[in-house]
PDB file of N, CA and C in Angstrom:
ATOM      1  N   UNK A   1      11.889   4.533  -1.958  1.00  0.00           N
ATOM      2  CA  UNK A   1      13.309   4.521  -2.218  1.00  0.00           C
ATOM      3  C   UNK A   1      13.975   3.555  -1.239  1.00  0.00           C
ATOM      4  N   UNK A   2      14.866   2.737  -1.733  1.00  0.00           N
ATOM      5  CA  UNK A   2      15.544   1.745  -0.913  1.00  0.00           C
ATOM      6  C   UNK A   2      16.886   2.309  -0.467  1.00  0.00           C
ATOM      7  N   UNK A   3      17.139   2.241   0.828  1.00  0.00           N
ATOM      8  CA  UNK A   3      18.391   2.713   1.413  1.00  0.00           C
ATOM      9  C   UNK A   3      19.208   1.516   1.865  1.00  0.00           C
ATOM     10  N   UNK A   4      20.489   1.743   2.101  1.00  0.00           N
ATOM     11  CA  UNK A   4      21.274   0.715   2.778  1.00  0.00           C
ATOM     12  C   UNK A   4      20.700   0.569   4.179  1.00  0.00           C
ATOM     13  N   UNK A   5      20.648  -0.643   4.661  1.00  0.00           N
ATOM     14  CA  UNK A   5      20.033  -0.894   5.968  1.00  0.00           C
ATOM     15  C   UNK A   5      20.663  -0.055   7.069  1.00  0.00           C
ATOM     16  N   UNK A   6      21.974   0.103   7.040  1.00  0.00           N
ATOM     17  CA  UNK A   6      22.646   0.869   8.089  1.00  0.00           C
ATOM     18  C   UNK A   6      22.173   2.323   8.116  1.00  0.00           C
ATOM     19  N   UNK A   7      21.849   2.892   6.940  1.00  0.00           N
ATOM     20  CA  UNK A   7      21.415   4.287   6.855  1.00  0.00           C
ATOM     21  C   UNK A   7      19.946   4.462   7.240  1.00  0.00           C
ATOM     22  N   UNK A   8      19.202   3.376   7.295  1.00  0.00           N
ATOM     23  CA  UNK A   8      17.771   3.429   7.540  1.00  0.00           C
ATOM     24  C   UNK A   8      17.409   2.784   8.881  1.00  0.00           C
ATOM     25  N   UNK A   9      18.381   2.614   9.753  1.00  0.00           N
ATOM     26  CA  UNK A   9      18.202   1.838  10.978  1.00  0.00           C
ATOM     27  C   UNK A   9      17.161   2.463  11.920  1.00  0.00           C
ATOM     28  N   UNK A  10      17.076   3.788  11.983  1.00  0.00           N
ATOM     29  CA  UNK A  10      16.106   4.407  12.896  1.00  0.00           C
ATOM     30  C   UNK A  10      14.672   4.117  12.443  1.00  0.00           C
ATOM     31  N   UNK A  11      14.410   4.183  11.151  1.00  0.00           N
ATOM     32  CA  UNK A  11      13.077   3.850  10.629  1.00  0.00           C
ATOM     33  C   UNK A  11      12.778   2.370  10.839  1.00  0.00           C
ATOM     34  N   UNK A  12      13.752   1.523  10.603  1.00  0.00           N
ATOM     35  CA  UNK A  12      13.571   0.083  10.781  1.00  0.00           C
ATOM     36  C   UNK A  12      13.268  -0.234  12.243  1.00  0.00           C
ATOM     37  N   UNK A  13      14.034   0.351  13.159  1.00  0.00           N
ATOM     38  CA  UNK A  13      13.813   0.077  14.585  1.00  0.00           C
ATOM     39  C   UNK A  13      12.480   0.633  15.071  1.00  0.00           C
ATOM     40  N   UNK A  14      12.000   1.708  14.473  1.00  0.00           N
ATOM     41  CA  UNK A  14      10.700   2.244  14.884  1.00  0.00           C
ATOM     42  C   UNK A  14       9.562   1.313  14.482  1.00  0.00           C
ATOM     43  N   UNK A  15       9.754   0.505  13.448  1.00  0.00           N
ATOM     44  CA  UNK A  15       8.698  -0.387  12.980  1.00  0.00           C
ATOM     45  C   UNK A  15       8.911  -1.846  13.371  1.00  0.00           C
ATOM     46  N   UNK A  16      10.182  -2.258  13.520  1.00  0.00           N
ATOM     47  CA  UNK A  16      10.489  -3.665  13.818  1.00  0.00           C
ATOM     48  C   UNK A  16      10.928  -3.891  15.256  1.00  0.00           C
ATOM     49  N   UNK A  17      11.210  -2.828  15.952  1.00  0.00           N
ATOM     50  CA  UNK A  17      11.761  -2.956  17.297  1.00  0.00           C
ATOM     51  C   UNK A  17      13.273  -2.791  17.258  1.00  0.00           C
ATOM     52  N   UNK A  18      13.849  -2.706  18.436  1.00  0.00           N
ATOM     53  CA  UNK A  18      15.297  -2.510  18.547  1.00  0.00           C
ATOM     54  C   UNK A  18      16.018  -3.740  18.011  1.00  0.00           C
ATOM     55  N   UNK A  19      17.083  -3.492  17.280  1.00  0.00           N
ATOM     56  CA  UNK A  19      17.859  -4.580  16.681  1.00  0.00           C
ATOM     57  C   UNK A  19      18.453  -5.455  17.776  1.00  0.00           C
ATOM     58  N   UNK A  20      18.118  -6.754  17.753  1.00  0.00           N
ATOM     59  CA  UNK A  20      18.703  -7.673  18.733  1.00  0.00           C
ATOM     60  C   UNK A  20      20.210  -7.798  18.498  1.00  0.00           C
ATOM     61  N   UNK A  21      20.975  -8.051  19.541  1.00  0.00           N
ATOM     62  CA  UNK A  21      22.427  -8.147  19.389  1.00  0.00           C
ATOM     63  C   UNK A  21      22.861  -9.240  18.418  1.00  0.00           C
ATOM     64  N   UNK A  22      22.070 -10.294  18.311  1.00  0.00           N
ATOM     65  CA  UNK A  22      22.456 -11.399  17.437  1.00  0.00           C
ATOM     66  C   UNK A  22      21.899 -11.268  16.013  1.00  0.00           C
ATOM     67  N   UNK A  23      21.113 -10.226  15.735  1.00  0.00           N
ATOM     68  CA  UNK A  23      20.537 -10.050  14.398  1.00  0.00           C
ATOM     69  C   UNK A  23      21.591  -9.513  13.445  1.00  0.00           C
ATOM     70  N   UNK A  24      21.584 -10.078  12.246  1.00  0.00           N
ATOM     71  CA  UNK A  24      22.540  -9.651  11.231  1.00  0.00           C
ATOM     72  C   UNK A  24      21.916  -8.590  10.339  1.00  0.00           C
ATOM     73  N   UNK A  25      22.747  -7.645   9.924  1.00  0.00           N
ATOM     74  CA  UNK A  25      22.321  -6.683   8.915  1.00  0.00           C
ATOM     75  C   UNK A  25      22.837  -7.222   7.589  1.00  0.00           C
ATOM     76  N   UNK A  26      21.910  -7.795   6.817  1.00  0.00           N
ATOM     77  CA  UNK A  26      22.266  -8.466   5.569  1.00  0.00           C
ATOM     78  C   UNK A  26      21.637  -7.704   4.417  1.00  0.00           C
ATOM     79  N   UNK A  27      22.443  -7.396   3.404  1.00  0.00           N
ATOM     80  CA  UNK A  27      21.927  -6.770   2.189  1.00  0.00           C
ATOM     81  C   UNK A  27      21.469  -7.892   1.252  1.00  0.00           C
ATOM     82  N   UNK A  28      20.174  -8.143   1.238  1.00  0.00           N
ATOM     83  CA  UNK A  28      19.621  -9.260   0.472  1.00  0.00           C
ATOM     84  C   UNK A  28      19.349  -8.858  -0.971  1.00  0.00           C
ATOM     85  N   UNK A  29      18.989  -7.614  -1.169  1.00  0.00           N
ATOM     86  CA  UNK A  29      18.651  -7.160  -2.512  1.00  0.00           C
ATOM     87  C   UNK A  29      17.377  -7.836  -2.979  1.00  0.00           C
ATOM     88  N   UNK A  30      17.407  -8.373  -4.175  1.00  0.00           N
ATOM     89  CA  UNK A  30      16.225  -9.060  -4.718  1.00  0.00           C
ATOM     90  C   UNK A  30      16.555 -10.522  -5.018  1.00  0.00           C
ATOM     91  N   UNK A  31      17.367 -11.130  -4.176  1.00  0.00           N
ATOM     92  CA  UNK A  31      17.749 -12.530  -4.341  1.00  0.00           C
ATOM     93  C   UNK A  31      16.529 -13.421  -4.094  1.00  0.00           C
ATOM     94  N   UNK A  32      15.984 -14.072  -5.146  1.00  0.00           N
ATOM     95  CA  UNK A  32      14.783 -14.893  -4.968  1.00  0.00           C
ATOM     96  C   UNK A  32      15.053 -16.190  -4.206  1.00  0.00           C
ATOM     97  N   UNK A  33      16.313 -16.558  -4.030  1.00  0.00           N
ATOM     98  CA  UNK A  33      16.663 -17.810  -3.350  1.00  0.00           C
ATOM     99  C   UNK A  33      16.976 -17.617  -1.872  1.00  0.00           C
ATOM    100  N   UNK A  34      16.935 -16.370  -1.388  1.00  0.00           N
ATOM    101  CA  UNK A  34      17.261 -16.121   0.005  1.00  0.00           C
ATOM    102  C   UNK A  34      16.099 -16.595   0.882  1.00  0.00           C
ATOM    103  N   UNK A  35      16.425 -17.318   1.950  1.00  0.00           N
ATOM    104  CA  UNK A  35      15.413 -17.816   2.881  1.00  0.00           C
ATOM    105  C   UNK A  35      15.687 -17.207   4.246  1.00  0.00           C
ATOM    106  N   UNK A  36      14.686 -16.532   4.805  1.00  0.00           N
ATOM    107  CA  UNK A  36      14.812 -15.947   6.131  1.00  0.00           C
ATOM    108  C   UNK A  36      14.629 -17.030   7.186  1.00  0.00           C
ATOM    109  N   UNK A  37      15.473 -17.007   8.188  1.00  0.00           N
ATOM    110  CA  UNK A  37      15.344 -17.956   9.303  1.00  0.00           C
ATOM    111  C   UNK A  37      14.371 -17.381  10.323  1.00  0.00           C
ATOM    112  N   UNK A  38      13.462 -18.216  10.799  1.00  0.00           N
ATOM    113  CA  UNK A  38      12.525 -17.785  11.839  1.00  0.00           C
ATOM    114  C   UNK A  38      13.275 -17.564  13.143  1.00  0.00           C
ATOM    115  N   UNK A  39      12.888 -16.524  13.852  1.00  0.00           N
ATOM    116  CA  UNK A  39      13.452 -16.224  15.163  1.00  0.00           C
ATOM    117  C   UNK A  39      12.352 -16.462  16.191  1.00  0.00           C
ATOM    118  N   UNK A  40      12.518 -17.469  17.019  1.00  0.00           N
ATOM    119  CA  UNK A  40      11.486 -17.813  18.001  1.00  0.00           C
ATOM    120  C   UNK A  40      11.282 -16.723  19.043  1.00  0.00           C
ATOM    121  N   UNK A  41      12.273 -15.851  19.230  1.00  0.00           N
ATOM    122  CA  UNK A  41      12.163 -14.760  20.203  1.00  0.00           C
ATOM    123  C   UNK A  41      11.523 -13.503  19.605  1.00  0.00           C
ATOM    124  N   UNK A  42      11.222 -13.536  18.312  1.00  0.00           N
ATOM    125  CA  UNK A  42      10.643 -12.386  17.619  1.00  0.00           C
ATOM    126  C   UNK A  42       9.145 -12.622  17.452  1.00  0.00           C
ATOM    127  N   UNK A  43       8.344 -11.667  17.934  1.00  0.00           N
ATOM    128  CA  UNK A  43       6.889 -11.773  17.739  1.00  0.00           C
ATOM    129  C   UNK A  43       6.562 -11.451  16.286  1.00  0.00           C
ATOM    130  N   UNK A  44       5.787 -12.301  15.658  1.00  0.00           N
ATOM    131  CA  UNK A  44       5.418 -12.107  14.259  1.00  0.00           C
ATOM    132  C   UNK A  44       4.738 -10.750  14.073  1.00  0.00           C
ATOM    133  N   UNK A  45       5.201 -10.014  13.071  1.00  0.00           N
ATOM    134  CA  UNK A  45       4.615  -8.712  12.733  1.00  0.00           C
ATOM    135  C   UNK A  45       3.966  -8.798  11.361  1.00  0.00           C
ATOM    136  N   UNK A  46       2.920  -8.046  11.176  1.00  0.00           N
ATOM    137  CA  UNK A  46       2.275  -7.929   9.873  1.00  0.00           C
ATOM    138  C   UNK A  46       2.670  -6.590   9.279  1.00  0.00           C
ATOM    139  N   UNK A  47       3.182  -6.628   8.054  1.00  0.00           N
ATOM    140  CA  UNK A  47       3.579  -5.414   7.348  1.00  0.00           C
ATOM    141  C   UNK A  47       2.706  -5.243   6.118  1.00  0.00           C
ATOM    142  N   UNK A  48       2.528  -3.990   5.704  1.00  0.00           N
ATOM    143  CA  UNK A  48       1.677  -3.656   4.571  1.00  0.00           C
ATOM    144  C   UNK A  48       2.466  -2.790   3.602  1.00  0.00           C
ATOM    145  N   UNK A  49       2.170  -2.942   2.306  1.00  0.00           N
ATOM    146  CA  UNK A  49       2.760  -2.027   1.341  1.00  0.00           C
ATOM    147  C   UNK A  49       1.700  -1.035   0.903  1.00  0.00           C
ATOM    148  N   UNK A  50       2.082  -0.122   0.039  1.00  0.00           N
ATOM    149  CA  UNK A  50       1.181   0.963  -0.365  1.00  0.00           C
ATOM    150  C   UNK A  50      -0.002   0.457  -1.181  1.00  0.00           C
ATOM    151  N   UNK A  51       0.131  -0.734  -1.778  1.00  0.00           N
ATOM    152  CA  UNK A  51      -0.953  -1.303  -2.572  1.00  0.00           C
ATOM    153  C   UNK A  51      -1.895  -2.171  -1.740  1.00  0.00           C
ATOM    154  N   UNK A  52      -1.635  -2.280  -0.434  1.00  0.00           N
ATOM    155  CA  UNK A  52      -2.495  -3.063   0.439  1.00  0.00           C
ATOM    156  C   UNK A  52      -2.084  -4.514   0.578  1.00  0.00           C
ATOM    157  N   UNK A  53      -0.952  -4.906   0.000  1.00  0.00           N
ATOM    158  CA  UNK A  53      -0.467  -6.276   0.161  1.00  0.00           C
ATOM    159  C   UNK A  53       0.011  -6.475   1.593  1.00  0.00           C
ATOM    160  N   UNK A  54      -0.044  -7.716   2.052  1.00  0.00           N
ATOM    161  CA  UNK A  54       0.288  -8.042   3.438  1.00  0.00           C
ATOM    162  C   UNK A  54       1.376  -9.101   3.459  1.00  0.00           C
ATOM    163  N   UNK A  55       2.317  -8.957   4.404  1.00  0.00           N
ATOM    164  CA  UNK A  55       3.332  -9.986   4.636  1.00  0.00           C
ATOM    165  C   UNK A  55       3.516 -10.118   6.146  1.00  0.00           C
ATOM    166  N   UNK A  56       3.645 -11.355   6.613  1.00  0.00           N
ATOM    167  CA  UNK A  56       3.955 -11.625   8.016  1.00  0.00           C
ATOM    168  C   UNK A  56       5.439 -11.939   8.109  1.00  0.00           C
ATOM    169  N   UNK A  57       6.135 -11.224   8.991  1.00  0.00           N
ATOM    170  CA  UNK A  57       7.579 -11.440   9.147  1.00  0.00           C
ATOM    171  C   UNK A  57       7.846 -12.105  10.487  1.00  0.00           C
ATOM    172  N   UNK A  58       8.852 -12.998  10.493  1.00  0.00           N
ATOM    173  CA  UNK A  58       9.132 -13.824  11.673  1.00  0.00           C
ATOM    174  C   UNK A  58      10.534 -13.627  12.224  1.00  0.00           C
ATOM    175  N   UNK A  59      11.210 -12.575  11.789  1.00  0.00           N
ATOM    176  CA  UNK A  59      12.525 -12.266  12.351  1.00  0.00           C
ATOM    177  C   UNK A  59      12.802 -10.785  12.150  1.00  0.00           C
ATOM    178  N   UNK A  60      13.714 -10.262  12.965  1.00  0.00           N
ATOM    179  CA  UNK A  60      14.053  -8.851  12.846  1.00  0.00           C
ATOM    180  C   UNK A  60      14.703  -8.586  11.497  1.00  0.00           C
ATOM    181  N   UNK A  61      15.531  -9.513  11.020  1.00  0.00           N
ATOM    182  CA  UNK A  61      16.215  -9.341   9.726  1.00  0.00           C
ATOM    183  C   UNK A  61      15.200  -9.292   8.595  1.00  0.00           C
ATOM    184  N   UNK A  62      14.212 -10.162   8.639  1.00  0.00           N
ATOM    185  CA  UNK A  62      13.171 -10.167   7.611  1.00  0.00           C
ATOM    186  C   UNK A  62      12.357  -8.871   7.665  1.00  0.00           C
ATOM    187  N   UNK A  63      12.011  -8.451   8.867  1.00  0.00           N
ATOM    188  CA  UNK A  63      11.270  -7.208   9.042  1.00  0.00           C
ATOM    189  C   UNK A  63      12.077  -6.026   8.504  1.00  0.00           C
ATOM    190  N   UNK A  64      13.357  -5.984   8.838  1.00  0.00           N
ATOM    191  CA  UNK A  64      14.222  -4.893   8.372  1.00  0.00           C
ATOM    192  C   UNK A  64      14.283  -4.866   6.848  1.00  0.00           C
ATOM    193  N   UNK A  65      14.361  -6.040   6.238  1.00  0.00           N
ATOM    194  CA  UNK A  65      14.413  -6.115   4.771  1.00  0.00           C
ATOM    195  C   UNK A  65      13.153  -5.514   4.147  1.00  0.00           C
ATOM    196  N   UNK A  66      11.986  -5.897   4.672  1.00  0.00           N
ATOM    197  CA  UNK A  66      10.731  -5.386   4.107  1.00  0.00           C
ATOM    198  C   UNK A  66      10.539  -3.902   4.400  1.00  0.00           C
ATOM    199  N   UNK A  67      10.826  -3.465   5.609  1.00  0.00           N
ATOM    200  CA  UNK A  67      10.685  -2.042   5.939  1.00  0.00           C
ATOM    201  C   UNK A  67      11.618  -1.210   5.075  1.00  0.00           C
ATOM    202  N   UNK A  68      12.819  -1.707   4.852  1.00  0.00           N
ATOM    203  CA  UNK A  68      13.774  -1.003   3.996  1.00  0.00           C
ATOM    204  C   UNK A  68      13.268  -0.929   2.555  1.00  0.00           C
ATOM    205  N   UNK A  69      12.408  -1.871   2.174  1.00  0.00           N
ATOM    206  CA  UNK A  69      11.830  -1.886   0.835  1.00  0.00           C
ATOM    207  C   UNK A  69      10.552  -1.086   0.705  1.00  0.00           C
ATOM    208  N   UNK A  70      10.134  -0.407   1.775  1.00  0.00           N
ATOM    209  CA  UNK A  70       8.967   0.468   1.688  1.00  0.00           C
ATOM    210  C   UNK A  70       7.714  -0.061   2.352  1.00  0.00           C
ATOM    211  N   UNK A  71       7.788  -1.148   3.095  1.00  0.00           N
ATOM    212  CA  UNK A  71       6.626  -1.692   3.793  1.00  0.00           C
ATOM    213  C   UNK A  71       6.476  -0.996   5.140  1.00  0.00           C
ATOM    214  N   UNK A  72       5.249  -1.033   5.710  1.00  0.00           N
ATOM    215  CA  UNK A  72       4.924  -0.341   6.958  1.00  0.00           C
ATOM    216  C   UNK A  72       4.271  -1.316   7.928  1.00  0.00           C
ATOM    217  N   UNK A  73       4.354  -1.008   9.221  1.00  0.00           N
ATOM    218  CA  UNK A  73       3.685  -1.860  10.206  1.00  0.00           C
ATOM    219  C   UNK A  73       2.256  -1.398  10.478  1.00  0.00           C
ATOM    220  N   UNK A  74       1.795  -0.396   9.755  1.00  0.00           N
ATOM    221  CA  UNK A  74       0.396   0.021   9.843  1.00  0.00           C
ATOM    222  C   UNK A  74      -0.148   0.095   8.424  1.00  0.00           C
ATOM    223  N   UNK A  75      -1.400  -0.269   8.283  1.00  0.00           N
ATOM    224  CA  UNK A  75      -1.995  -0.344   6.959  1.00  0.00           C
ATOM    225  C   UNK A  75      -2.237   1.054   6.410  1.00  0.00           C
ATOM    226  N   UNK A  76      -1.881   1.245   5.158  1.00  0.00           N
ATOM    227  CA  UNK A  76      -2.121   2.501   4.464  1.00  0.00           C
ATOM    228  C   UNK A  76      -3.470   2.379   3.776  1.00  0.00           C
ATOM    229  N   UNK A  77      -4.392   3.251   4.125  1.00  0.00           N
ATOM    230  CA  UNK A  77      -5.732   3.208   3.551  1.00  0.00           C
ATOM    231  C   UNK A  77      -5.740   4.080   2.300  1.00  0.00           C
ATOM    232  N   UNK A  78      -6.021   3.459   1.182  1.00  0.00           N
ATOM    233  CA  UNK A  78      -6.138   4.196  -0.081  1.00  0.00           C
ATOM    234  C   UNK A  78      -7.612   4.415  -0.384  1.00  0.00           C
ATOM    235  N   UNK A  79      -7.966   5.632  -0.694  1.00  0.00           N
ATOM    236  CA  UNK A  79      -9.343   5.956  -1.054  1.00  0.00           C
ATOM    237  C   UNK A  79      -9.526   5.695  -2.538  1.00  0.00           C
ATOM    238  N   UNK A  80     -10.495   4.880  -2.861  1.00  0.00           N
ATOM    239  CA  UNK A  80     -10.746   4.534  -4.260  1.00  0.00           C
ATOM    240  C   UNK A  80     -11.598   5.624  -4.902  1.00  0.00           C
ATOM    241  N   UNK A  81     -11.080   6.840  -4.907  1.00  0.00           N
ATOM    242  CA  UNK A  81     -11.820   7.975  -5.422  1.00  0.00           C
ATOM    243  C   UNK A  81     -12.086   7.903  -6.904  1.00  0.00           C
ATOM    244  N   UNK A  82     -11.202   7.245  -7.651  1.00  0.00           N
ATOM    245  CA  UNK A  82     -11.393   7.158  -9.088  1.00  0.00           C
ATOM    246  C   UNK A  82     -12.662   6.390  -9.432  1.00  0.00           C
ATOM    247  N   UNK A  83     -12.983   5.370  -8.655  1.00  0.00           N
ATOM    248  CA  UNK A  83     -14.201   4.595  -8.893  1.00  0.00           C
ATOM    249  C   UNK A  83     -15.430   5.466  -8.639  1.00  0.00           C
ATOM    250  N   UNK A  84     -15.439   6.199  -7.534  1.00  0.00           N
ATOM    251  CA  UNK A  84     -16.576   7.047  -7.201  1.00  0.00           C
ATOM    252  C   UNK A  84     -16.697   8.225  -8.170  1.00  0.00           C
ATOM    253  N   UNK A  85     -15.568   8.743  -8.610  1.00  0.00           N
ATOM    254  CA  UNK A  85     -15.591   9.846  -9.566  1.00  0.00           C
ATOM    255  C   UNK A  85     -16.175   9.379 -10.896  1.00  0.00           C
ATOM    256  N   UNK A  86     -15.817   8.182 -11.327  1.00  0.00           N
ATOM    257  CA  UNK A  86     -16.351   7.642 -12.582  1.00  0.00           C
ATOM    258  C   UNK A  86     -17.856   7.456 -12.491  1.00  0.00           C
ATOM    259  N   UNK A  87     -18.339   6.926 -11.385  1.00  0.00           N
ATOM    260  CA  UNK A  87     -19.776   6.722 -11.202  1.00  0.00           C
ATOM    261  C   UNK A  87     -20.501   8.062 -11.175  1.00  0.00           C
ATOM    262  N   UNK A  88     -19.928   9.038 -10.464  1.00  0.00           N
ATOM    263  CA  UNK A  88     -20.548  10.365 -10.387  1.00  0.00           C
ATOM    264  C   UNK A  88     -20.613  11.015 -11.766  1.00  0.00           C
ATOM    265  N   UNK A  89     -19.555  10.914 -12.547  1.00  0.00           N
ATOM    266  CA  UNK A  89     -19.557  11.499 -13.899  1.00  0.00           C
ATOM    267  C   UNK A  89     -20.571  10.801 -14.799  1.00  0.00           C
ATOM    268  N   UNK A  90     -20.702   9.496 -14.646  1.00  0.00           N
ATOM    269  CA  UNK A  90     -21.688   8.768 -15.438  1.00  0.00           C
ATOM    270  C   UNK A  90     -23.103   9.230 -15.089  1.00  0.00           C
ATOM    271  N   UNK A  91     -23.398   9.366 -13.814  1.00  0.00           N
ATOM    272  CA  UNK A  91     -24.728   9.808 -13.373  1.00  0.00           C
ATOM    273  C   UNK A  91     -25.007  11.221 -13.872  1.00  0.00           C
ATOM    274  N   UNK A  92     -24.042  12.126 -13.731  1.00  0.00           N
ATOM    275  CA  UNK A  92     -24.222  13.509 -14.197  1.00  0.00           C
ATOM    276  C   UNK A  92     -24.430  13.529 -15.710  1.00  0.00           C
ATOM    277  N   UNK A  93     -23.698  12.707 -16.439  1.00  0.00           N
ATOM    278  CA  UNK A  93     -23.847  12.654 -17.894  1.00  0.00           C
ATOM    279  C   UNK A  93     -25.239  12.170 -18.295  1.00  0.00           C
ATOM    280  N   UNK A  94     -25.725  11.133 -17.626  1.00  0.00           N
ATOM    281  CA  UNK A  94     -27.053  10.602 -17.945  1.00  0.00           C
ATOM    282  C   UNK A  94     -28.124  11.638 -17.634  1.00  0.00           C
ATOM    283  N   UNK A  95     -28.012  12.296 -16.481  1.00  0.00           N
ATOM    284  CA  UNK A  95     -29.002  13.319 -16.119  1.00  0.00           C
ATOM    285  C   UNK A  95     -28.959  14.480 -17.096  1.00  0.00           C
ATOM    286  N   UNK A  96     -27.778  14.960 -17.431  1.00  0.00           N
ATOM    287  CA  UNK A  96     -27.633  16.087 -18.365  1.00  0.00           C
ATOM    288  C   UNK A  96     -28.205  15.732 -19.733  1.00  0.00           C
ATOM    289  N   UNK A  97     -27.899  14.541 -20.219  1.00  0.00           N
ATOM    290  CA  UNK A  97     -28.415  14.107 -21.522  1.00  0.00           C
ATOM    291  C   UNK A  97     -29.928  13.983 -21.483  1.00  0.00           C
ATOM    292  N   UNK A  98     -30.462  13.444 -20.406  1.00  0.00           N
ATOM    293  CA  UNK A  98     -31.917  13.306 -20.282  1.00  0.00           C
ATOM    294  C   UNK A  98     -32.602  14.666 -20.269  1.00  0.00           C
ATOM    295  N   UNK A  99     -32.082  15.611 -19.514  1.00  0.00           N
ATOM    296  CA  UNK A  99     -32.653  16.962 -19.458  1.00  0.00           C
ATOM    297  C   UNK A  99     -32.565  17.624 -20.824  1.00  0.00           C
ATOM    298  N   UNK A 100     -31.436  17.506 -21.497  1.00  0.00           N
ATOM    299  CA  UNK A 100     -31.254  18.104 -22.825  1.00  0.00           C
ATOM    300  C   UNK A 100     -32.268  17.529 -23.814  1.00  0.00           C
ATOM    301  N   UNK A 101     -32.424  16.196 -23.815  1.00  0.00           N
ATOM    302  CA  UNK A 101     -33.378  15.563 -24.736  1.00  0.00           C
ATOM    303  C   UNK A 101     -34.811  15.951 -24.392  1.00  0.00           C
ATOM    304  N   UNK A 102     -35.145  16.071 -23.107  1.00  0.00           N
ATOM    305  CA  UNK A 102     -36.489  16.475 -22.689  1.00  0.00           C
ATOM    306  C   UNK A 102     -36.793  17.893 -23.176  1.00  0.00           C
ATOM    307  N   UNK A 103     -35.843  18.799 -22.993  1.00  0.00           N
ATOM    308  CA  UNK A 103     -36.036  20.191 -23.433  1.00  0.00           C
ATOM    309  C   UNK A 103     -36.182  20.245 -24.947  1.00  0.00           C
ATOM    310  N   UNK A 104     -35.369  19.501 -25.653  1.00  0.00           N
ATOM    311  CA  UNK A 104     -35.407  19.499 -27.117  1.00  0.00           C
ATOM    312  C   UNK A 104     -36.753  18.958 -27.605  1.00  0.00           C
ATOM    313  N   UNK A 105     -37.223  17.870 -27.003  1.00  0.00           N
ATOM    314  CA  UNK A 105     -38.495  17.283 -27.384  1.00  0.00           C
ATOM    315  C   UNK A 105     -39.655  18.232 -27.079  1.00  0.00           C
ATOM    316  N   UNK A 106     -39.598  18.915 -25.940  1.00  0.00           N
ATOM    317  CA  UNK A 106     -40.660  19.830 -25.539  1.00  0.00           C
ATOM    318  C   UNK A 106     -40.730  21.023 -26.496  1.00  0.00           C
ATOM    319  N   UNK A 107     -39.597  21.564 -26.863  1.00  0.00           N
ATOM    320  CA  UNK A 107     -39.590  22.699 -27.801  1.00  0.00           C
ATOM    321  C   UNK A 107     -40.039  22.269 -29.184  1.00  0.00           C
ATOM    322  N   UNK A 108     -39.638  21.089 -29.596  1.00  0.00           N
ATOM    323  CA  UNK A 108     -40.033  20.605 -30.937  1.00  0.00           C
ATOM    324  C   UNK A 108     -41.539  20.359 -30.970  1.00  0.00           C
ATOM    325  N   UNK A 109     -42.109  19.873 -29.869  1.00  0.00           N
ATOM    326  CA  UNK A 109     -43.549  19.584 -29.833  1.00  0.00           C
ATOM    327  C   UNK A 109     -44.366  20.868 -29.836  1.00  0.00           C
ATOM    328  N   UNK A 110     -43.811  21.990 -29.331  1.00  0.00           N
ATOM    329  CA  UNK A 110     -44.545  23.248 -29.279  1.00  0.00           C
ATOM    330  C   UNK A 110     -44.600  23.921 -30.637  1.00  0.00           C
ATOM    331  N   UNK A 111     -43.708  23.585 -31.550  1.00  0.00           N
ATOM    332  CA  UNK A 111     -43.696  24.244 -32.868  1.00  0.00           C
ATOM    333  C   UNK A 111     -44.706  23.698 -33.811  1.00  0.00           C
TER     334      UNK A 111
END
């Protein structure tokens, strides 16, 4: 959920650092033409989204914009359980089918 920057300042400062006195709080929205100015006094931070995408930010304003949009300064590890579950179900299905066919063949051969 996206908040107004002023309402989300504590979360932003916890991830981007304390707001510098000269940093502007700008509501950028989704303006594709907006260009962030690099701040030479700001150490570049790497932010991650929930899908594992990465962005490097070079100013407090840029960092605040991304954090306000749901990005984090620590990587969120997603467990690809669906892939492992699919493989496990496939293996169980093959084993079950093989056992069923073996039993059926064995009983048919005894008659």
